[in-house]
Amino acid sequence: MKKFVCLLVIVCVLGFFAFIPAEAGWFGHWVLYDDFNSGIIDTNLWDIDDSNATIEIIGGRLKITHNWSENDSNGLIFKINPKGIKAVKMRVMVGEIDGHLQARIGGYIGEEQDGSLIFKRVSVRTDGSGRERLDCWAGEDPYNRHYTEFINTVITGNFIVDEWFEIGMNFNRWISECWVKDFRKDVSFFSPPLLPPAANEAQYKYIGTRSLSEGGSAVVWIDDVYVRY
């Protein structure tokens, strides 16, 4: 009986910590991954995907000029222990954005029963209809795991343009959290368990842009990328 009680306590404690979101600060500390002050893209830190964009560092900040394209991602892919990264946050500013395009953090968190990968991202985006917003999404289908809009408006002003703010998310396969800070107000989204049926060893995690089927273009600035391991 005592062994059973001890085992139950251990399981409960481990379960509790497993379900703590990364931003809550229970595990590790935020570590500066890159502030781009070197003036060059450090290929020890990043792989570069510039298939349809110009990616450069100007004034100690990463600048991605995403050309109009369909279904294409561009940006920097984490090289240092990407599988061990538990959360990412960064400062982002959108200089221009047009069409169906996202500026985002993204990566794989697990797999479906059929082996298809579960992709998760937090993004600043427009869908070409004047709806500029911040949202969080996971799964092959937008509503398969979770989907939420932080900001949803049909007003086409400068509310996401030329303003620095923070976006972040964790890569926890059980509990998901996405957040935005310093954007008029701080907003955090917390989801119930995603429970992918199997862990996946895919190491792909990146920061950058993504144009969807209708295509899009953007100028996105990124700075001060932090990770938790």
C-alpha atoms as a PDB file:
ATOM      1  CA  MET A   1       0.000   0.000   0.000  1.00  0.00           C
ATOM      2  CA  LYS A   2       2.805   2.403   0.931  1.00  0.00           C
ATOM      3  CA  LYS A   3       4.587   1.662  -2.343  1.00  0.00           C
ATOM      4  CA  PHE A   4       1.382   2.364  -4.256  1.00  0.00           C
ATOM      5  CA  VAL A   5       0.860   5.689  -2.460  1.00  0.00           C
ATOM      6  CA  CYS A   6       4.478   6.712  -3.085  1.00  0.00           C
ATOM      7  CA  LEU A   7       4.194   5.801  -6.729  1.00  0.00           C
ATOM      8  CA  LEU A   8       0.952   7.742  -7.045  1.00  0.00           C
ATOM      9  CA  VAL A   9       2.546  10.816  -5.482  1.00  0.00           C
ATOM     10  CA  ILE A  10       5.514  10.602  -7.853  1.00  0.00           C
ATOM     11  CA  VAL A  11       3.242  10.253 -10.867  1.00  0.00           C
ATOM     12  CA  CYS A  12       1.130  13.216  -9.753  1.00  0.00           C
ATOM     13  CA  VAL A  13       4.172  15.434  -9.171  1.00  0.00           C
ATOM     14  CA  LEU A  14       5.716  14.534 -12.504  1.00  0.00           C
ATOM     15  CA  GLY A  15       2.382  15.025 -14.220  1.00  0.00           C
ATOM     16  CA  PHE A  16       1.984  18.431 -12.623  1.00  0.00           C
ATOM     17  CA  PHE A  17       5.317  19.682 -13.896  1.00  0.00           C
ATOM     18  CA  ALA A  18       4.770  18.131 -17.306  1.00  0.00           C
ATOM     19  CA  PHE A  19       1.645  20.226 -17.726  1.00  0.00           C
ATOM     20  CA  ILE A  20       3.204  23.563 -16.754  1.00  0.00           C
ATOM     21  CA  PRO A  21       3.388  25.900 -19.770  1.00  0.00           C
ATOM     22  CA  ALA A  22       6.851  27.076 -20.752  1.00  0.00           C
ATOM     23  CA  GLU A  23       6.082  30.752 -20.151  1.00  0.00           C
ATOM     24  CA  ALA A  24       5.153  29.948 -16.563  1.00  0.00           C
ATOM     25  CA  GLY A  25       8.857  29.659 -15.859  1.00  0.00           C
ATOM     26  CA  TRP A  26       8.907  26.336 -14.007  1.00  0.00           C
ATOM     27  CA  PHE A  27      11.577  24.808 -16.220  1.00  0.00           C
ATOM     28  CA  GLY A  28      14.914  26.317 -17.092  1.00  0.00           C
ATOM     29  CA  HIS A  29      15.625  29.917 -17.906  1.00  0.00           C
ATOM     30  CA  TRP A  30      15.296  31.917 -21.042  1.00  0.00           C
ATOM     31  CA  VAL A  31      18.577  31.849 -22.946  1.00  0.00           C
ATOM     32  CA  LEU A  32      19.464  34.388 -25.612  1.00  0.00           C
ATOM     33  CA  TYR A  33      19.874  32.412 -28.813  1.00  0.00           C
ATOM     34  CA  ASP A  34      20.691  35.307 -31.132  1.00  0.00           C
ATOM     35  CA  ASP A  35      20.382  39.090 -31.036  1.00  0.00           C
ATOM     36  CA  PHE A  36      21.908  39.498 -34.523  1.00  0.00           C
ATOM     37  CA  ASN A  37      24.385  42.095 -33.255  1.00  0.00           C
ATOM     38  CA  SER A  38      27.210  40.296 -35.035  1.00  0.00           C
ATOM     39  CA  GLY A  39      25.979  41.784 -38.289  1.00  0.00           C
ATOM     40  CA  ILE A  40      25.963  38.431 -40.072  1.00  0.00           C
ATOM     41  CA  ILE A  41      23.735  35.356 -39.946  1.00  0.00           C
ATOM     42  CA  ASP A  42      25.674  32.898 -37.782  1.00  0.00           C
ATOM     43  CA  THR A  43      25.581  29.581 -39.638  1.00  0.00           C
ATOM     44  CA  ASN A  44      26.635  27.811 -36.440  1.00  0.00           C
ATOM     45  CA  LEU A  45      23.237  28.802 -35.055  1.00  0.00           C
ATOM     46  CA  TRP A  46      21.020  28.735 -38.120  1.00  0.00           C
ATOM     47  CA  ASP A  47      20.256  27.042 -41.398  1.00  0.00           C
ATOM     48  CA  ILE A  48      18.935  29.550 -43.917  1.00  0.00           C
ATOM     49  CA  ASP A  49      15.819  29.039 -46.034  1.00  0.00           C
ATOM     50  CA  ASP A  50      15.702  31.912 -48.502  1.00  0.00           C
ATOM     51  CA  SER A  51      13.995  30.120 -51.365  1.00  0.00           C
ATOM     52  CA  ASN A  52      11.680  33.061 -51.975  1.00  0.00           C
ATOM     53  CA  ALA A  53      12.990  35.855 -49.798  1.00  0.00           C
ATOM     54  CA  THR A  54      15.923  38.116 -49.118  1.00  0.00           C
ATOM     55  CA  ILE A  55      17.220  37.488 -45.591  1.00  0.00           C
ATOM     56  CA  GLU A  56      19.785  39.892 -44.183  1.00  0.00           C
ATOM     57  CA  ILE A  57      20.878  41.669 -41.016  1.00  0.00           C
ATOM     58  CA  ILE A  58      20.559  45.440 -40.936  1.00  0.00           C
ATOM     59  CA  GLY A  59      21.354  47.489 -37.856  1.00  0.00           C
ATOM     60  CA  GLY A  60      21.622  44.431 -35.626  1.00  0.00           C
ATOM     61  CA  ARG A  61      18.184  43.153 -36.614  1.00  0.00           C
ATOM     62  CA  LEU A  62      17.091  40.362 -38.926  1.00  0.00           C
ATOM     63  CA  LYS A  63      15.164  41.559 -41.973  1.00  0.00           C
ATOM     64  CA  ILE A  64      13.141  39.166 -44.125  1.00  0.00           C
ATOM     65  CA  THR A  65      11.755  40.506 -47.386  1.00  0.00           C
ATOM     66  CA  HIS A  66       9.353  37.798 -48.496  1.00  0.00           C
ATOM     67  CA  ASN A  67       8.523  37.974 -52.190  1.00  0.00           C
ATOM     68  CA  TRP A  68       5.058  37.174 -53.463  1.00  0.00           C
ATOM     69  CA  SER A  69       4.765  33.390 -53.573  1.00  0.00           C
ATOM     70  CA  GLU A  70       2.419  30.500 -52.857  1.00  0.00           C
ATOM     71  CA  ASN A  71       2.870  27.846 -50.161  1.00  0.00           C
ATOM     72  CA  ASP A  72       6.420  28.810 -49.315  1.00  0.00           C
ATOM     73  CA  SER A  73       8.276  29.252 -46.015  1.00  0.00           C
ATOM     74  CA  ASN A  74      11.362  31.391 -45.543  1.00  0.00           C
ATOM     75  CA  GLY A  75      13.476  32.153 -42.511  1.00  0.00           C
ATOM     76  CA  LEU A  76      16.048  30.726 -40.130  1.00  0.00           C
ATOM     77  CA  ILE A  77      16.012  27.133 -38.863  1.00  0.00           C
ATOM     78  CA  PHE A  78      17.424  26.364 -35.407  1.00  0.00           C
ATOM     79  CA  LYS A  79      20.618  24.262 -35.487  1.00  0.00           C
ATOM     80  CA  ILE A  80      21.685  23.999 -31.829  1.00  0.00           C
ATOM     81  CA  ASN A  81      19.784  21.140 -30.171  1.00  0.00           C
ATOM     82  CA  PRO A  82      16.478  21.944 -31.878  1.00  0.00           C
ATOM     83  CA  LYS A  83      14.853  18.813 -30.457  1.00  0.00           C
ATOM     84  CA  GLY A  84      15.602  20.095 -26.967  1.00  0.00           C
ATOM     85  CA  ILE A  85      14.008  23.503 -27.462  1.00  0.00           C
ATOM     86  CA  LYS A  86      10.934  23.735 -25.221  1.00  0.00           C
ATOM     87  CA  ALA A  87       9.878  27.288 -26.076  1.00  0.00           C
ATOM     88  CA  VAL A  88      10.809  30.235 -28.282  1.00  0.00           C
ATOM     89  CA  LYS A  89      10.085  33.922 -28.011  1.00  0.00           C
ATOM     90  CA  MET A  90      11.241  36.873 -30.089  1.00  0.00           C
ATOM     91  CA  ARG A  91      10.654  40.517 -30.826  1.00  0.00           C
ATOM     92  CA  VAL A  92       8.990  41.128 -34.173  1.00  0.00           C
ATOM     93  CA  MET A  93       7.938  44.122 -36.231  1.00  0.00           C
ATOM     94  CA  VAL A  94       6.000  44.013 -39.473  1.00  0.00           C
ATOM     95  CA  GLY A  95       7.060  46.743 -41.867  1.00  0.00           C
ATOM     96  CA  GLU A  96       4.801  45.646 -44.704  1.00  0.00           C
ATOM     97  CA  ILE A  97       2.462  42.715 -45.200  1.00  0.00           C
ATOM     98  CA  ASP A  98       0.221  41.900 -48.153  1.00  0.00           C
ATOM     99  CA  GLY A  99      -1.821  38.948 -49.315  1.00  0.00           C
ATOM    100  CA  HIS A 100      -2.140  35.708 -47.360  1.00  0.00           C
ATOM    101  CA  LEU A 101       1.065  35.702 -45.344  1.00  0.00           C
ATOM    102  CA  GLN A 102       2.301  35.005 -41.822  1.00  0.00           C
ATOM    103  CA  ALA A 103       5.306  36.151 -39.788  1.00  0.00           C
ATOM    104  CA  ARG A 104       5.747  33.361 -37.278  1.00  0.00           C
ATOM    105  CA  ILE A 105       7.485  30.916 -34.966  1.00  0.00           C
ATOM    106  CA  GLY A 106       6.801  27.318 -35.930  1.00  0.00           C
ATOM    107  CA  GLY A 107       7.863  23.711 -35.593  1.00  0.00           C
ATOM    108  CA  TYR A 108       6.826  20.098 -35.097  1.00  0.00           C
ATOM    109  CA  ILE A 109       5.450  18.867 -31.778  1.00  0.00           C
ATOM    110  CA  GLY A 110       4.344  15.301 -32.542  1.00  0.00           C
ATOM    111  CA  GLU A 111       2.652  13.056 -35.051  1.00  0.00           C
ATOM    112  CA  GLU A 112      -0.788  11.735 -35.883  1.00  0.00           C
ATOM    113  CA  GLN A 113      -1.771   8.063 -35.922  1.00  0.00           C
ATOM    114  CA  ASP A 114      -0.991   7.903 -39.623  1.00  0.00           C
ATOM    115  CA  GLY A 115       2.484   9.330 -39.069  1.00  0.00           C
ATOM    116  CA  SER A 116       1.734  12.815 -40.400  1.00  0.00           C
ATOM    117  CA  LEU A 117       3.505  15.522 -38.442  1.00  0.00           C
ATOM    118  CA  ILE A 118       1.680  17.940 -36.163  1.00  0.00           C
ATOM    119  CA  PHE A 119       2.916  21.445 -36.903  1.00  0.00           C
ATOM    120  CA  LYS A 120       2.395  24.286 -34.456  1.00  0.00           C
ATOM    121  CA  ARG A 121       2.906  28.004 -34.910  1.00  0.00           C
ATOM    122  CA  VAL A 122       2.127  31.428 -33.519  1.00  0.00           C
ATOM    123  CA  SER A 123       1.897  34.180 -36.110  1.00  0.00           C
ATOM    124  CA  VAL A 124       1.156  37.720 -37.139  1.00  0.00           C
ATOM    125  CA  ARG A 125      -0.877  37.436 -40.297  1.00  0.00           C
ATOM    126  CA  THR A 126      -3.199  38.794 -42.933  1.00  0.00           C
ATOM    127  CA  ASP A 127      -5.428  36.740 -45.192  1.00  0.00           C
ATOM    128  CA  GLY A 128      -5.759  39.245 -48.013  1.00  0.00           C
ATOM    129  CA  SER A 129      -9.228  40.438 -46.986  1.00  0.00           C
ATOM    130  CA  GLY A 130      -8.169  43.231 -44.656  1.00  0.00           C
ATOM    131  CA  ARG A 131      -8.213  40.977 -41.577  1.00  0.00           C
ATOM    132  CA  GLU A 132      -4.942  41.624 -39.801  1.00  0.00           C
ATOM    133  CA  ARG A 133      -4.480  39.554 -36.678  1.00  0.00           C
ATOM    134  CA  LEU A 134      -2.381  37.475 -34.312  1.00  0.00           C
ATOM    135  CA  ASP A 135      -3.227  33.820 -33.896  1.00  0.00           C
ATOM    136  CA  CYS A 136      -2.072  30.414 -32.706  1.00  0.00           C
ATOM    137  CA  TRP A 137      -2.667  27.084 -34.471  1.00  0.00           C
ATOM    138  CA  ALA A 138      -1.656  23.440 -34.243  1.00  0.00           C
ATOM    139  CA  GLY A 139      -2.455  20.402 -36.367  1.00  0.00           C
ATOM    140  CA  GLU A 140      -2.939  19.561 -40.003  1.00  0.00           C
ATOM    141  CA  ASP A 141      -6.464  20.974 -39.852  1.00  0.00           C
ATOM    142  CA  PRO A 142      -6.887  24.441 -38.305  1.00  0.00           C
ATOM    143  CA  TYR A 143      -9.404  23.057 -35.817  1.00  0.00           C
ATOM    144  CA  ASN A 144      -7.818  19.648 -35.349  1.00  0.00           C
ATOM    145  CA  ARG A 145      -5.838  20.638 -32.253  1.00  0.00           C
ATOM    146  CA  HIS A 146      -6.531  24.266 -31.507  1.00  0.00           C
ATOM    147  CA  TYR A 147      -6.901  27.613 -33.183  1.00  0.00           C
ATOM    148  CA  THR A 148      -7.367  31.037 -31.662  1.00  0.00           C
ATOM    149  CA  GLU A 149      -7.182  34.636 -32.788  1.00  0.00           C
ATOM    150  CA  PHE A 150      -5.556  37.088 -30.412  1.00  0.00           C
ATOM    151  CA  ILE A 151      -6.657  40.054 -32.493  1.00  0.00           C
ATOM    152  CA  ASN A 152      -9.394  39.964 -35.132  1.00  0.00           C
ATOM    153  CA  THR A 153     -10.396  43.117 -36.960  1.00  0.00           C
ATOM    154  CA  VAL A 154     -11.437  44.321 -40.392  1.00  0.00           C
ATOM    155  CA  ILE A 155      -9.821  47.710 -39.794  1.00  0.00           C
ATOM    156  CA  THR A 156      -6.762  48.106 -42.001  1.00  0.00           C
ATOM    157  CA  GLY A 157      -4.735  50.559 -39.965  1.00  0.00           C
ATOM    158  CA  ASN A 158      -1.222  50.448 -38.572  1.00  0.00           C
ATOM    159  CA  PHE A 159      -2.163  48.300 -35.630  1.00  0.00           C
ATOM    160  CA  ILE A 160       0.369  45.615 -36.510  1.00  0.00           C
ATOM    161  CA  VAL A 161       2.667  47.697 -38.699  1.00  0.00           C
ATOM    162  CA  ASP A 162       5.858  49.394 -37.470  1.00  0.00           C
ATOM    163  CA  GLU A 163       5.350  48.353 -33.848  1.00  0.00           C
ATOM    164  CA  TRP A 164       7.785  46.114 -31.972  1.00  0.00           C
ATOM    165  CA  PHE A 165       6.202  43.468 -29.788  1.00  0.00           C
ATOM    166  CA  GLU A 166       6.927  39.963 -28.520  1.00  0.00           C
ATOM    167  CA  ILE A 167       5.408  36.726 -29.725  1.00  0.00           C
ATOM    168  CA  GLY A 168       6.176  33.343 -28.195  1.00  0.00           C
ATOM    169  CA  MET A 169       5.019  29.779 -27.781  1.00  0.00           C
ATOM    170  CA  ASN A 170       6.019  26.469 -26.257  1.00  0.00           C
ATOM    171  CA  PHE A 171       6.551  23.150 -28.008  1.00  0.00           C
ATOM    172  CA  ASN A 172       4.969  21.034 -25.274  1.00  0.00           C
ATOM    173  CA  ARG A 173       3.144  18.045 -26.763  1.00  0.00           C
ATOM    174  CA  TRP A 174       0.610  17.981 -23.911  1.00  0.00           C
ATOM    175  CA  ILE A 175      -0.179  21.557 -22.931  1.00  0.00           C
ATOM    176  CA  SER A 176       0.028  24.401 -25.430  1.00  0.00           C
ATOM    177  CA  GLU A 177       0.592  28.074 -24.775  1.00  0.00           C
ATOM    178  CA  CYS A 178       1.046  30.987 -27.160  1.00  0.00           C
ATOM    179  CA  TRP A 179       1.396  34.607 -26.146  1.00  0.00           C
ATOM    180  CA  VAL A 180       1.940  38.158 -27.314  1.00  0.00           C
ATOM    181  CA  LYS A 181       3.382  40.954 -25.172  1.00  0.00           C
ATOM    182  CA  ASP A 182       3.798  44.705 -25.533  1.00  0.00           C
ATOM    183  CA  PHE A 183       1.094  44.841 -28.169  1.00  0.00           C
ATOM    184  CA  ARG A 184      -1.299  47.352 -26.608  1.00  0.00           C
ATOM    185  CA  LYS A 185      -1.866  44.662 -24.000  1.00  0.00           C
ATOM    186  CA  ASP A 186      -0.457  41.254 -23.099  1.00  0.00           C
ATOM    187  CA  VAL A 187      -2.474  38.263 -24.286  1.00  0.00           C
ATOM    188  CA  SER A 188      -1.903  34.574 -23.596  1.00  0.00           C
ATOM    189  CA  PHE A 189      -3.682  31.525 -24.992  1.00  0.00           C
ATOM    190  CA  PHE A 190      -3.661  28.265 -23.071  1.00  0.00           C
ATOM    191  CA  SER A 191      -5.142  25.070 -24.512  1.00  0.00           C
ATOM    192  CA  PRO A 192      -6.259  21.770 -22.982  1.00  0.00           C
ATOM    193  CA  PRO A 193      -4.075  18.703 -23.675  1.00  0.00           C
ATOM    194  CA  LEU A 194      -3.235  18.158 -27.329  1.00  0.00           C
ATOM    195  CA  LEU A 195      -2.254  14.541 -26.623  1.00  0.00           C
ATOM    196  CA  PRO A 196      -0.645  13.554 -29.911  1.00  0.00           C
ATOM    197  CA  PRO A 197      -0.636   9.762 -30.041  1.00  0.00           C
ATOM    198  CA  ALA A 198       3.136   9.483 -30.398  1.00  0.00           C
ATOM    199  CA  ALA A 199       6.194  11.611 -29.842  1.00  0.00           C
ATOM    200  CA  ASN A 200       8.129  12.591 -32.909  1.00  0.00           C
ATOM    201  CA  GLU A 201      11.851  13.156 -33.101  1.00  0.00           C
ATOM    202  CA  ALA A 202      11.588  15.750 -35.870  1.00  0.00           C
ATOM    203  CA  GLN A 203      13.915  18.601 -35.048  1.00  0.00           C
ATOM    204  CA  TYR A 204      12.472  21.268 -37.314  1.00  0.00           C
ATOM    205  CA  LYS A 205      11.834  24.579 -35.531  1.00  0.00           C
ATOM    206  CA  TYR A 206      12.141  27.927 -37.225  1.00  0.00           C
ATOM    207  CA  ILE A 207      11.418  31.652 -37.249  1.00  0.00           C
ATOM    208  CA  GLY A 208      10.381  33.495 -40.377  1.00  0.00           C
ATOM    209  CA  THR A 209       7.542  33.879 -42.831  1.00  0.00           C
ATOM    210  CA  ARG A 210       5.046  31.679 -44.638  1.00  0.00           C
ATOM    211  CA  SER A 211       2.846  32.496 -47.625  1.00  0.00           C
ATOM    212  CA  LEU A 212      -0.262  30.404 -48.087  1.00  0.00           C
ATOM    213  CA  SER A 213      -2.060  29.195 -51.198  1.00  0.00           C
ATOM    214  CA  GLU A 214      -3.045  32.646 -52.414  1.00  0.00           C
ATOM    215  CA  GLY A 215       0.489  33.969 -51.968  1.00  0.00           C
ATOM    216  CA  GLY A 216       1.734  37.047 -50.185  1.00  0.00           C
ATOM    217  CA  SER A 217       4.626  39.361 -49.520  1.00  0.00           C
ATOM    218  CA  ALA A 218       6.027  41.101 -46.461  1.00  0.00           C
ATOM    219  CA  VAL A 219       8.885  42.916 -44.829  1.00  0.00           C
ATOM    220  CA  VAL A 220       9.397  41.454 -41.355  1.00  0.00           C
ATOM    221  CA  TRP A 221      11.965  42.475 -38.749  1.00  0.00           C
ATOM    222  CA  ILE A 222      13.034  40.074 -35.975  1.00  0.00           C
ATOM    223  CA  ASP A 223      15.279  40.644 -32.967  1.00  0.00           C
ATOM    224  CA  ASP A 224      16.267  39.113 -29.611  1.00  0.00           C
ATOM    225  CA  VAL A 225      15.414  35.436 -30.122  1.00  0.00           C
ATOM    226  CA  TYR A 226      15.266  33.524 -26.802  1.00  0.00           C
ATOM    227  CA  VAL A 227      14.822  29.802 -26.174  1.00  0.00           C
ATOM    228  CA  ARG A 228      14.185  27.473 -23.264  1.00  0.00           C
ATOM    229  CA  TYR A 229      15.856  24.057 -23.226  1.00  0.00           C
END
